Amino acid sequence: MSTVILQNSKIDEFFIRLKYKLRSKLKNKGKLLLGTDILRKNKKTELFKIVTLNIEAKVLDAVENDFELFNDKIVLLDLIKSSTEKFLFYSYGINLQLNEKILLRSLYVKFLLTNSDILLKLPFRTLLNFESEIFRTTFGPIYPKPSRKFLEALFDNLIVEISNCVMQILINELSFLDHIRQILYKSKFLSLRNIERFKNGLAWQIRVKLYVTYPKYIYSSQYGIWIIRSSGIYYRIIYANRIKQLFHLKKASLVTLTLLEIQDFLAGRIDELLYLIGDGFRNVITITIGQSIGLIYRGIIKKIKK
């Protein structure tokens, strides 16, 4: 019992630091769109706090119960569902119970569930046990041990991704309601035209991410994460070994890998071809100039002899 109490105090301390960072501007400093970009500043802060509190509650629940019995996909889906419902209730006063079918209509929800191992299971297990094998097999040897800042970054990413997912659901399902737009959205997104443009941008981005960026990152042992800093939210690429996911890619994603292989192959051959052309050109120039100098020299000698 004392061990659980001690662990709970450490978790409380850890989440206090996470919640403190939410006092920052939370402005998107990355090149990618976030669904939260559409929100007013106070509503964005409110959403991030709700998501953070929900994650903290799940971590504490994992301490009280055996985390090995938790299904990371179910936990993640429940976090998305409860965060969306609570945000609507506290911001708009709607006590709405979302159907799982509505959630799974979102391509972004499906994408996050596909990545639930590294998005949710890994940071949860590492926080509960710093000697967790899943951390070493994923980030070692580049990141051999989970530092506090690195673990915070993983939870920052989880908070941002769930908040982003919540907004993608609301934008797709409820943006047609005038009151929703007036209460939650920035002034420039009050018109349906601007919302549709923003929605189309998000839709295009997730498809590129799902079928191009995601398989490319897995193939290159990379992982993109969002990090919360005092000056805003930044997107960073870090090393991550995800070889297992490589064998579970869908056929559409495998096309990207094939194109990458062709690109790598041609890049090597083109470099060799350019080298041969350059080397041949250099030899031709050297021989030509040498012969020209020889002819000039012989001409000068003949004139001197005369």
C-alpha atoms as a PDB file:
ATOM      1  CA  MET A   1       0.000   0.000   0.000  1.00  0.00           C
ATOM      2  CA  SER A   2       2.819   2.405   0.914  1.00  0.00           C
ATOM      3  CA  THR A   3       4.451   1.679  -2.476  1.00  0.00           C
ATOM      4  CA  VAL A   4       1.244   2.683  -4.281  1.00  0.00           C
ATOM      5  CA  ILE A   5       0.988   5.900  -2.226  1.00  0.00           C
ATOM      6  CA  LEU A   6       4.606   6.751  -3.030  1.00  0.00           C
ATOM      7  CA  GLN A   7       4.027   6.082  -6.719  1.00  0.00           C
ATOM      8  CA  ASN A   8       0.870   8.205  -6.705  1.00  0.00           C
ATOM      9  CA  SER A   9       2.774  11.159  -5.235  1.00  0.00           C
ATOM     10  CA  LYS A  10       5.405  10.905  -7.986  1.00  0.00           C
ATOM     11  CA  ILE A  11       2.692  10.765 -10.641  1.00  0.00           C
ATOM     12  CA  ASP A  12       0.965  13.806  -9.101  1.00  0.00           C
ATOM     13  CA  GLU A  13       4.260  15.702  -9.191  1.00  0.00           C
ATOM     14  CA  PHE A  14       4.825  14.677 -12.806  1.00  0.00           C
ATOM     15  CA  PHE A  15       1.371  15.872 -13.941  1.00  0.00           C
ATOM     16  CA  ILE A  16       1.702  19.136 -12.016  1.00  0.00           C
ATOM     17  CA  ARG A  17       4.620  19.977 -14.317  1.00  0.00           C
ATOM     18  CA  LEU A  18       2.567  18.999 -17.373  1.00  0.00           C
ATOM     19  CA  LYS A  19      -0.385  21.127 -16.277  1.00  0.00           C
ATOM     20  CA  TYR A  20       1.889  24.071 -15.512  1.00  0.00           C
ATOM     21  CA  LYS A  21       3.033  24.119 -19.149  1.00  0.00           C
ATOM     22  CA  LEU A  22      -0.585  24.561 -20.248  1.00  0.00           C
ATOM     23  CA  ARG A  23      -0.388  28.148 -19.005  1.00  0.00           C
ATOM     24  CA  SER A  24       1.648  28.960 -22.108  1.00  0.00           C
ATOM     25  CA  LYS A  25       0.184  30.330 -25.342  1.00  0.00           C
ATOM     26  CA  LEU A  26      -0.276  26.838 -26.851  1.00  0.00           C
ATOM     27  CA  LYS A  27       0.213  28.396 -30.275  1.00  0.00           C
ATOM     28  CA  ASN A  28       0.988  25.957 -33.067  1.00  0.00           C
ATOM     29  CA  LYS A  29       4.592  26.601 -34.134  1.00  0.00           C
ATOM     30  CA  GLY A  30       4.830  23.561 -36.403  1.00  0.00           C
ATOM     31  CA  LYS A  31       4.291  23.404 -40.155  1.00  0.00           C
ATOM     32  CA  LEU A  32       1.403  20.927 -39.794  1.00  0.00           C
ATOM     33  CA  LEU A  33      -2.182  21.919 -39.055  1.00  0.00           C
ATOM     34  CA  LEU A  34      -3.770  21.038 -35.730  1.00  0.00           C
ATOM     35  CA  GLY A  35      -7.522  20.808 -35.213  1.00  0.00           C
ATOM     36  CA  THR A  36      -7.045  23.002 -32.128  1.00  0.00           C
ATOM     37  CA  ASP A  37      -5.836  25.884 -34.360  1.00  0.00           C
ATOM     38  CA  ILE A  38      -9.495  26.752 -34.896  1.00  0.00           C
ATOM     39  CA  LEU A  39     -10.226  27.306 -31.179  1.00  0.00           C
ATOM     40  CA  ARG A  40     -10.231  30.520 -29.206  1.00  0.00           C
ATOM     41  CA  LYS A  41      -7.336  30.789 -26.774  1.00  0.00           C
ATOM     42  CA  ASN A  42      -9.360  30.153 -23.590  1.00  0.00           C
ATOM     43  CA  LYS A  43     -11.217  27.219 -25.157  1.00  0.00           C
ATOM     44  CA  LYS A  44      -7.964  25.666 -26.357  1.00  0.00           C
ATOM     45  CA  THR A  45      -6.503  25.879 -22.837  1.00  0.00           C
ATOM     46  CA  GLU A  46      -9.691  24.353 -21.451  1.00  0.00           C
ATOM     47  CA  LEU A  47      -9.540  21.425 -23.871  1.00  0.00           C
ATOM     48  CA  PHE A  48      -5.877  20.710 -23.106  1.00  0.00           C
ATOM     49  CA  LYS A  49      -6.602  20.735 -19.362  1.00  0.00           C
ATOM     50  CA  ILE A  50      -9.521  18.322 -19.759  1.00  0.00           C
ATOM     51  CA  VAL A  51      -7.395  15.928 -21.808  1.00  0.00           C
ATOM     52  CA  THR A  52      -4.499  16.134 -19.324  1.00  0.00           C
ATOM     53  CA  LEU A  53      -6.772  15.424 -16.341  1.00  0.00           C
ATOM     54  CA  ASN A  54      -8.320  12.464 -18.161  1.00  0.00           C
ATOM     55  CA  ILE A  55      -4.878  11.032 -18.938  1.00  0.00           C
ATOM     56  CA  GLU A  56      -3.802  11.499 -15.314  1.00  0.00           C
ATOM     57  CA  ALA A  57      -6.905   9.653 -14.122  1.00  0.00           C
ATOM     58  CA  LYS A  58      -6.119   6.750 -16.475  1.00  0.00           C
ATOM     59  CA  VAL A  59      -2.520   6.559 -15.230  1.00  0.00           C
ATOM     60  CA  LEU A  60      -3.670   6.469 -11.592  1.00  0.00           C
ATOM     61  CA  ASP A  61      -6.200   3.815 -12.533  1.00  0.00           C
ATOM     62  CA  ALA A  62      -3.355   1.804 -14.063  1.00  0.00           C
ATOM     63  CA  VAL A  63      -1.475   2.069 -10.750  1.00  0.00           C
ATOM     64  CA  GLU A  64      -4.426   0.795  -8.742  1.00  0.00           C
ATOM     65  CA  ASN A  65      -5.063  -2.025 -11.189  1.00  0.00           C
ATOM     66  CA  ASP A  66      -2.768  -4.218 -13.242  1.00  0.00           C
ATOM     67  CA  PHE A  67      -1.749  -2.276 -16.326  1.00  0.00           C
ATOM     68  CA  GLU A  68      -1.016  -5.567 -18.088  1.00  0.00           C
ATOM     69  CA  LEU A  69      -4.792  -6.119 -18.154  1.00  0.00           C
ATOM     70  CA  PHE A  70      -5.340  -2.774 -19.927  1.00  0.00           C
ATOM     71  CA  ASN A  71      -5.959  -2.746 -23.665  1.00  0.00           C
ATOM     72  CA  ASP A  72      -4.149   0.341 -24.980  1.00  0.00           C
ATOM     73  CA  LYS A  73      -6.555   0.762 -27.925  1.00  0.00           C
ATOM     74  CA  ILE A  74      -9.608   0.636 -25.629  1.00  0.00           C
ATOM     75  CA  VAL A  75      -7.989   3.061 -23.178  1.00  0.00           C
ATOM     76  CA  LEU A  76      -7.085   5.481 -25.977  1.00  0.00           C
ATOM     77  CA  LEU A  77     -10.552   5.326 -27.521  1.00  0.00           C
ATOM     78  CA  ASP A  78     -12.104   5.953 -24.100  1.00  0.00           C
ATOM     79  CA  LEU A  79      -9.801   8.958 -23.574  1.00  0.00           C
ATOM     80  CA  ILE A  80     -10.883  10.429 -26.921  1.00  0.00           C
ATOM     81  CA  LYS A  81     -14.553   9.785 -26.159  1.00  0.00           C
ATOM     82  CA  SER A  82     -14.554  11.145 -22.586  1.00  0.00           C
ATOM     83  CA  SER A  83     -12.435  14.185 -23.530  1.00  0.00           C
ATOM     84  CA  THR A  84     -14.832  15.092 -26.359  1.00  0.00           C
ATOM     85  CA  GLU A  85     -17.910  14.672 -24.151  1.00  0.00           C
ATOM     86  CA  LYS A  86     -16.451  16.669 -21.225  1.00  0.00           C
ATOM     87  CA  PHE A  87     -15.228  19.460 -23.493  1.00  0.00           C
ATOM     88  CA  LEU A  88     -18.690  19.820 -25.036  1.00  0.00           C
ATOM     89  CA  PHE A  89     -20.314  19.803 -21.599  1.00  0.00           C
ATOM     90  CA  TYR A  90     -18.020  22.387 -19.982  1.00  0.00           C
ATOM     91  CA  SER A  91     -17.843  24.655 -23.051  1.00  0.00           C
ATOM     92  CA  TYR A  92     -21.296  24.366 -24.525  1.00  0.00           C
ATOM     93  CA  GLY A  93     -23.470  22.755 -21.859  1.00  0.00           C
ATOM     94  CA  ILE A  94     -24.323  19.705 -23.980  1.00  0.00           C
ATOM     95  CA  ASN A  95     -24.391  16.424 -22.081  1.00  0.00           C
ATOM     96  CA  LEU A  96     -23.763  14.315 -25.174  1.00  0.00           C
ATOM     97  CA  GLN A  97     -22.947  10.603 -25.182  1.00  0.00           C
ATOM     98  CA  LEU A  98     -20.936   9.809 -28.273  1.00  0.00           C
ATOM     99  CA  ASN A  99     -21.484   6.554 -30.081  1.00  0.00           C
ATOM    100  CA  GLU A 100     -18.352   4.543 -30.850  1.00  0.00           C
ATOM    101  CA  LYS A 101     -19.427   4.387 -34.497  1.00  0.00           C
ATOM    102  CA  ILE A 102     -19.242   8.194 -34.691  1.00  0.00           C
ATOM    103  CA  LEU A 103     -15.708   8.134 -33.304  1.00  0.00           C
ATOM    104  CA  LEU A 104     -14.570   5.455 -35.724  1.00  0.00           C
ATOM    105  CA  ARG A 105     -15.898   7.479 -38.656  1.00  0.00           C
ATOM    106  CA  SER A 106     -12.933   9.768 -38.076  1.00  0.00           C
ATOM    107  CA  LEU A 107      -9.856   8.780 -40.052  1.00  0.00           C
ATOM    108  CA  TYR A 108      -7.736  10.466 -37.397  1.00  0.00           C
ATOM    109  CA  VAL A 109      -9.175   8.276 -34.640  1.00  0.00           C
ATOM    110  CA  LYS A 110      -8.275   5.209 -36.694  1.00  0.00           C
ATOM    111  CA  PHE A 111      -4.770   6.578 -37.227  1.00  0.00           C
ATOM    112  CA  LEU A 112      -4.222   7.137 -33.494  1.00  0.00           C
ATOM    113  CA  LEU A 113      -5.515   3.659 -32.661  1.00  0.00           C
ATOM    114  CA  THR A 114      -3.013   2.225 -35.151  1.00  0.00           C
ATOM    115  CA  ASN A 115      -0.250   3.989 -33.187  1.00  0.00           C
ATOM    116  CA  SER A 116      -1.609   3.281 -29.691  1.00  0.00           C
ATOM    117  CA  ASP A 117       1.474   1.220 -28.779  1.00  0.00           C
ATOM    118  CA  ILE A 118       3.933   4.101 -29.024  1.00  0.00           C
ATOM    119  CA  LEU A 119       1.422   6.893 -28.418  1.00  0.00           C
ATOM    120  CA  LEU A 120      -0.126   5.601 -25.179  1.00  0.00           C
ATOM    121  CA  LYS A 121       1.220   2.247 -23.990  1.00  0.00           C
ATOM    122  CA  LEU A 122       4.880   3.251 -24.100  1.00  0.00           C
ATOM    123  CA  PRO A 123       4.623   6.485 -22.030  1.00  0.00           C
ATOM    124  CA  PHE A 124       2.203   4.853 -19.562  1.00  0.00           C
ATOM    125  CA  ARG A 125       4.457   1.870 -18.923  1.00  0.00           C
ATOM    126  CA  THR A 126       7.590   4.008 -18.751  1.00  0.00           C
ATOM    127  CA  LEU A 127       6.029   6.356 -16.188  1.00  0.00           C
ATOM    128  CA  LEU A 128       4.987   3.385 -14.050  1.00  0.00           C
ATOM    129  CA  ASN A 129       8.337   1.652 -14.483  1.00  0.00           C
ATOM    130  CA  PHE A 130      11.457   3.500 -15.648  1.00  0.00           C
ATOM    131  CA  GLU A 131      13.103   0.167 -16.373  1.00  0.00           C
ATOM    132  CA  SER A 132      10.385  -0.739 -18.852  1.00  0.00           C
ATOM    133  CA  GLU A 133      11.640  -2.896 -21.703  1.00  0.00           C
ATOM    134  CA  ILE A 134       9.353  -1.245 -24.246  1.00  0.00           C
ATOM    135  CA  PHE A 135      11.279   2.029 -23.902  1.00  0.00           C
ATOM    136  CA  ARG A 136      14.683   0.424 -24.494  1.00  0.00           C
ATOM    137  CA  THR A 137      13.542  -1.609 -27.499  1.00  0.00           C
ATOM    138  CA  THR A 138      11.910   1.443 -29.086  1.00  0.00           C
ATOM    139  CA  PHE A 139      14.360   4.273 -28.380  1.00  0.00           C
ATOM    140  CA  GLY A 140      17.640   2.528 -27.537  1.00  0.00           C
ATOM    141  CA  PRO A 141      20.505   2.946 -28.071  1.00  0.00           C
ATOM    142  CA  ILE A 142      19.934   6.594 -29.112  1.00  0.00           C
ATOM    143  CA  TYR A 143      17.915   7.248 -25.948  1.00  0.00           C
ATOM    144  CA  PRO A 144      19.043   4.472 -23.553  1.00  0.00           C
ATOM    145  CA  LYS A 145      17.154   5.735 -20.477  1.00  0.00           C
ATOM    146  CA  PRO A 146      13.917   7.716 -20.064  1.00  0.00           C
ATOM    147  CA  SER A 147      14.867  11.135 -18.717  1.00  0.00           C
ATOM    148  CA  ARG A 148      12.153  13.270 -17.120  1.00  0.00           C
ATOM    149  CA  LYS A 149      12.155  15.742 -20.025  1.00  0.00           C
ATOM    150  CA  PHE A 150      11.928  12.969 -22.603  1.00  0.00           C
ATOM    151  CA  LEU A 151       9.010  11.338 -20.778  1.00  0.00           C
ATOM    152  CA  GLU A 152       7.299  14.723 -20.490  1.00  0.00           C
ATOM    153  CA  ALA A 153       7.702  15.125 -24.254  1.00  0.00           C
ATOM    154  CA  LEU A 154       5.968  11.772 -24.835  1.00  0.00           C
ATOM    155  CA  PHE A 155       3.036  12.853 -22.652  1.00  0.00           C
ATOM    156  CA  ASP A 156       3.000  16.280 -24.331  1.00  0.00           C
ATOM    157  CA  ASN A 157       2.560  14.429 -27.604  1.00  0.00           C
ATOM    158  CA  LEU A 158      -0.273  12.304 -26.198  1.00  0.00           C
ATOM    159  CA  ILE A 159      -2.065  15.411 -24.893  1.00  0.00           C
ATOM    160  CA  VAL A 160      -1.713  17.272 -28.196  1.00  0.00           C
ATOM    161  CA  GLU A 161      -2.759  14.277 -30.319  1.00  0.00           C
ATOM    162  CA  ILE A 162      -5.898  13.560 -28.289  1.00  0.00           C
ATOM    163  CA  SER A 163      -6.838  17.271 -28.245  1.00  0.00           C
ATOM    164  CA  ASN A 164      -6.268  17.395 -31.997  1.00  0.00           C
ATOM    165  CA  CYS A 165      -8.417  14.297 -32.442  1.00  0.00           C
ATOM    166  CA  VAL A 166     -11.244  15.765 -30.326  1.00  0.00           C
ATOM    167  CA  MET A 167     -11.351  18.837 -32.545  1.00  0.00           C
ATOM    168  CA  GLN A 168     -11.244  16.826 -35.755  1.00  0.00           C
ATOM    169  CA  ILE A 169     -14.358  14.969 -34.548  1.00  0.00           C
ATOM    170  CA  LEU A 170     -16.162  18.199 -33.610  1.00  0.00           C
ATOM    171  CA  ILE A 171     -15.188  19.950 -36.851  1.00  0.00           C
ATOM    172  CA  ASN A 172     -16.484  17.054 -38.939  1.00  0.00           C
ATOM    173  CA  GLU A 173     -19.639  16.331 -36.925  1.00  0.00           C
ATOM    174  CA  LEU A 174     -20.849  19.602 -35.342  1.00  0.00           C
ATOM    175  CA  SER A 175     -19.435  22.589 -37.250  1.00  0.00           C
ATOM    176  CA  PHE A 176     -22.784  23.090 -38.990  1.00  0.00           C
ATOM    177  CA  LEU A 177     -24.215  24.353 -35.651  1.00  0.00           C
ATOM    178  CA  ASP A 178     -24.026  28.160 -35.378  1.00  0.00           C
ATOM    179  CA  HIS A 179     -23.770  28.137 -31.579  1.00  0.00           C
ATOM    180  CA  ILE A 180     -20.801  25.765 -31.635  1.00  0.00           C
ATOM    181  CA  ARG A 181     -18.927  28.076 -33.996  1.00  0.00           C
ATOM    182  CA  GLN A 182     -19.802  31.198 -32.004  1.00  0.00           C
ATOM    183  CA  ILE A 183     -18.752  29.758 -28.640  1.00  0.00           C
ATOM    184  CA  LEU A 184     -15.676  27.742 -29.585  1.00  0.00           C
ATOM    185  CA  TYR A 185     -14.111  29.048 -32.783  1.00  0.00           C
ATOM    186  CA  LYS A 186     -11.947  32.057 -33.615  1.00  0.00           C
ATOM    187  CA  SER A 187     -13.729  34.886 -35.429  1.00  0.00           C
ATOM    188  CA  LYS A 188     -12.280  34.024 -38.845  1.00  0.00           C
ATOM    189  CA  PHE A 189     -13.801  30.554 -38.614  1.00  0.00           C
ATOM    190  CA  LEU A 190     -17.376  31.742 -38.039  1.00  0.00           C
ATOM    191  CA  SER A 191     -18.169  31.344 -41.732  1.00  0.00           C
ATOM    192  CA  LEU A 192     -18.891  27.891 -43.140  1.00  0.00           C
ATOM    193  CA  ARG A 193     -16.630  28.619 -46.113  1.00  0.00           C
ATOM    194  CA  ASN A 194     -13.529  29.092 -43.929  1.00  0.00           C
ATOM    195  CA  ILE A 195     -14.431  26.065 -41.840  1.00  0.00           C
ATOM    196  CA  GLU A 196     -14.780  23.921 -44.961  1.00  0.00           C
ATOM    197  CA  ARG A 197     -11.405  25.112 -46.223  1.00  0.00           C
ATOM    198  CA  PHE A 198      -9.836  24.292 -42.856  1.00  0.00           C
ATOM    199  CA  LYS A 199     -11.609  20.924 -42.779  1.00  0.00           C
ATOM    200  CA  ASN A 200     -10.350  20.087 -46.271  1.00  0.00           C
ATOM    201  CA  GLY A 201      -6.814  20.998 -45.192  1.00  0.00           C
ATOM    202  CA  LEU A 202      -7.052  18.621 -42.228  1.00  0.00           C
ATOM    203  CA  ALA A 203      -8.542  15.867 -44.409  1.00  0.00           C
ATOM    204  CA  TRP A 204      -5.741  16.154 -46.979  1.00  0.00           C
ATOM    205  CA  GLN A 205      -3.086  16.255 -44.255  1.00  0.00           C
ATOM    206  CA  ILE A 206      -4.271  13.080 -42.503  1.00  0.00           C
ATOM    207  CA  ARG A 207      -4.309  11.167 -45.788  1.00  0.00           C
ATOM    208  CA  VAL A 208      -0.763  12.276 -46.579  1.00  0.00           C
ATOM    209  CA  LYS A 209       0.235  11.381 -43.028  1.00  0.00           C
ATOM    210  CA  LEU A 210      -1.427   7.972 -43.154  1.00  0.00           C
ATOM    211  CA  TYR A 211      -0.258   6.819 -46.592  1.00  0.00           C
ATOM    212  CA  VAL A 212       3.025   8.713 -47.070  1.00  0.00           C
ATOM    213  CA  THR A 213       4.579  10.157 -43.906  1.00  0.00           C
ATOM    214  CA  TYR A 214       3.670   7.304 -41.539  1.00  0.00           C
ATOM    215  CA  PRO A 215       5.202   4.457 -43.625  1.00  0.00           C
ATOM    216  CA  LYS A 216       8.193   6.668 -44.466  1.00  0.00           C
ATOM    217  CA  TYR A 217       8.873   7.354 -40.774  1.00  0.00           C
ATOM    218  CA  ILE A 218       8.534   3.681 -39.865  1.00  0.00           C
ATOM    219  CA  TYR A 219      10.887   2.658 -42.683  1.00  0.00           C
ATOM    220  CA  SER A 220      13.394   5.341 -41.617  1.00  0.00           C
ATOM    221  CA  SER A 221      13.121   4.523 -37.861  1.00  0.00           C
ATOM    222  CA  GLN A 222      11.632   7.926 -37.093  1.00  0.00           C
ATOM    223  CA  TYR A 223       8.739   9.193 -34.999  1.00  0.00           C
ATOM    224  CA  GLY A 224       7.106  12.621 -35.115  1.00  0.00           C
ATOM    225  CA  ILE A 225       6.036  14.124 -31.776  1.00  0.00           C
ATOM    226  CA  TRP A 226       4.468  17.362 -30.582  1.00  0.00           C
ATOM    227  CA  ILE A 227       6.239  19.127 -27.713  1.00  0.00           C
ATOM    228  CA  ILE A 228       4.706  21.845 -25.515  1.00  0.00           C
ATOM    229  CA  ARG A 229       7.026  24.728 -24.668  1.00  0.00           C
ATOM    230  CA  SER A 230       6.451  28.129 -23.063  1.00  0.00           C
ATOM    231  CA  SER A 231       6.554  29.760 -26.516  1.00  0.00           C
ATOM    232  CA  GLY A 232       4.169  27.303 -28.193  1.00  0.00           C
ATOM    233  CA  ILE A 233       3.714  23.787 -29.555  1.00  0.00           C
ATOM    234  CA  TYR A 234       6.516  22.425 -31.737  1.00  0.00           C
ATOM    235  CA  TYR A 235       6.802  19.372 -33.989  1.00  0.00           C
ATOM    236  CA  ARG A 236       9.988  17.312 -33.797  1.00  0.00           C
ATOM    237  CA  ILE A 237      11.301  14.140 -35.476  1.00  0.00           C
ATOM    238  CA  ILE A 238      13.092  11.663 -33.190  1.00  0.00           C
ATOM    239  CA  TYR A 239      14.576   8.187 -33.569  1.00  0.00           C
ATOM    240  CA  ALA A 240      12.270   5.226 -32.871  1.00  0.00           C
ATOM    241  CA  ASN A 241      12.652   1.558 -33.774  1.00  0.00           C
ATOM    242  CA  ARG A 242       9.270   0.387 -35.103  1.00  0.00           C
ATOM    243  CA  ILE A 243      10.268  -2.563 -37.252  1.00  0.00           C
ATOM    244  CA  LYS A 244       7.254  -4.600 -36.089  1.00  0.00           C
ATOM    245  CA  GLN A 245       4.831  -2.033 -37.542  1.00  0.00           C
ATOM    246  CA  LEU A 246       6.620  -2.310 -40.875  1.00  0.00           C
ATOM    247  CA  PHE A 247       5.131  -5.772 -41.391  1.00  0.00           C
ATOM    248  CA  HIS A 248       1.579  -4.584 -40.635  1.00  0.00           C
ATOM    249  CA  LEU A 249       1.372  -1.759 -43.143  1.00  0.00           C
ATOM    250  CA  LYS A 250      -1.571  -1.688 -45.519  1.00  0.00           C
ATOM    251  CA  LYS A 251      -1.110  -2.141 -49.259  1.00  0.00           C
ATOM    252  CA  ALA A 252      -1.567   1.567 -49.956  1.00  0.00           C
ATOM    253  CA  SER A 253       1.272   2.390 -47.560  1.00  0.00           C
ATOM    254  CA  LEU A 254       3.517  -0.223 -49.151  1.00  0.00           C
ATOM    255  CA  VAL A 255       3.394   1.771 -52.395  1.00  0.00           C
ATOM    256  CA  THR A 256       5.219   4.555 -50.553  1.00  0.00           C
ATOM    257  CA  LEU A 257       7.939   2.134 -49.449  1.00  0.00           C
ATOM    258  CA  THR A 258       8.324   0.880 -53.024  1.00  0.00           C
ATOM    259  CA  LEU A 259       8.727   4.447 -54.279  1.00  0.00           C
ATOM    260  CA  LEU A 260      11.297   5.125 -51.556  1.00  0.00           C
ATOM    261  CA  GLU A 261      13.255   2.038 -52.622  1.00  0.00           C
ATOM    262  CA  ILE A 262      13.197   3.197 -56.261  1.00  0.00           C
ATOM    263  CA  GLN A 263      14.267   6.675 -55.209  1.00  0.00           C
ATOM    264  CA  ASP A 264      17.171   5.332 -53.133  1.00  0.00           C
ATOM    265  CA  PHE A 265      18.222   3.020 -55.971  1.00  0.00           C
ATOM    266  CA  LEU A 266      18.096   5.728 -58.626  1.00  0.00           C
ATOM    267  CA  ALA A 267      19.814   8.262 -56.360  1.00  0.00           C
ATOM    268  CA  GLY A 268      22.819   5.921 -56.023  1.00  0.00           C
ATOM    269  CA  ARG A 269      22.921   5.138 -59.729  1.00  0.00           C
ATOM    270  CA  ILE A 270      22.537   8.790 -60.731  1.00  0.00           C
ATOM    271  CA  ASP A 271      25.443   9.741 -58.458  1.00  0.00           C
ATOM    272  CA  GLU A 272      27.576   7.062 -60.120  1.00  0.00           C
ATOM    273  CA  LEU A 273      26.484   8.195 -63.603  1.00  0.00           C
ATOM    274  CA  LEU A 274      27.255  11.825 -62.836  1.00  0.00           C
ATOM    275  CA  TYR A 275      30.666  10.798 -61.488  1.00  0.00           C
ATOM    276  CA  LEU A 276      31.450   8.814 -64.653  1.00  0.00           C
ATOM    277  CA  ILE A 277      30.286  11.656 -66.887  1.00  0.00           C
ATOM    278  CA  GLY A 278      32.306  14.161 -64.882  1.00  0.00           C
ATOM    279  CA  ASP A 279      35.371  11.924 -64.869  1.00  0.00           C
ATOM    280  CA  GLY A 280      35.092  11.309 -68.628  1.00  0.00           C
ATOM    281  CA  PHE A 281      34.612  15.012 -69.322  1.00  0.00           C
ATOM    282  CA  ARG A 282      37.652  15.824 -67.202  1.00  0.00           C
ATOM    283  CA  ASN A 283      39.745  13.282 -69.102  1.00  0.00           C
ATOM    284  CA  VAL A 284      38.586  14.651 -72.458  1.00  0.00           C
ATOM    285  CA  ILE A 285      39.379  18.217 -71.414  1.00  0.00           C
ATOM    286  CA  THR A 286      42.772  17.158 -70.063  1.00  0.00           C
ATOM    287  CA  ILE A 287      43.680  15.300 -73.277  1.00  0.00           C
ATOM    288  CA  THR A 288      42.385  18.099 -75.518  1.00  0.00           C
ATOM    289  CA  ILE A 289      44.192  20.827 -73.625  1.00  0.00           C
ATOM    290  CA  GLY A 290      47.333  18.687 -73.477  1.00  0.00           C
ATOM    291  CA  GLN A 291      47.302  18.110 -77.218  1.00  0.00           C
ATOM    292  CA  SER A 292      46.639  21.803 -77.879  1.00  0.00           C
ATOM    293  CA  ILE A 293      49.554  22.840 -75.693  1.00  0.00           C
ATOM    294  CA  GLY A 294      51.747  20.261 -77.449  1.00  0.00           C
ATOM    295  CA  LEU A 295      50.857  21.616 -80.891  1.00  0.00           C
ATOM    296  CA  ILE A 296      51.460  25.199 -79.804  1.00  0.00           C
ATOM    297  CA  TYR A 297      54.798  24.221 -78.274  1.00  0.00           C
ATOM    298  CA  ARG A 298      55.933  22.411 -81.443  1.00  0.00           C
ATOM    299  CA  GLY A 299      54.859  25.402 -83.541  1.00  0.00           C
ATOM    300  CA  ILE A 300      56.901  27.763 -81.409  1.00  0.00           C
ATOM    301  CA  ILE A 301      59.968  25.484 -81.642  1.00  0.00           C
ATOM    302  CA  LYS A 302      59.715  25.331 -85.471  1.00  0.00           C
ATOM    303  CA  LYS A 303      59.547  29.120 -85.718  1.00  0.00           C
ATOM    304  CA  ILE A 304      62.567  29.487 -83.452  1.00  0.00           C
ATOM    305  CA  LYS A 305      64.576  27.029 -85.613  1.00  0.00           C
ATOM    306  CA  LYS A 306      63.778  29.009 -88.744  1.00  0.00           C
END
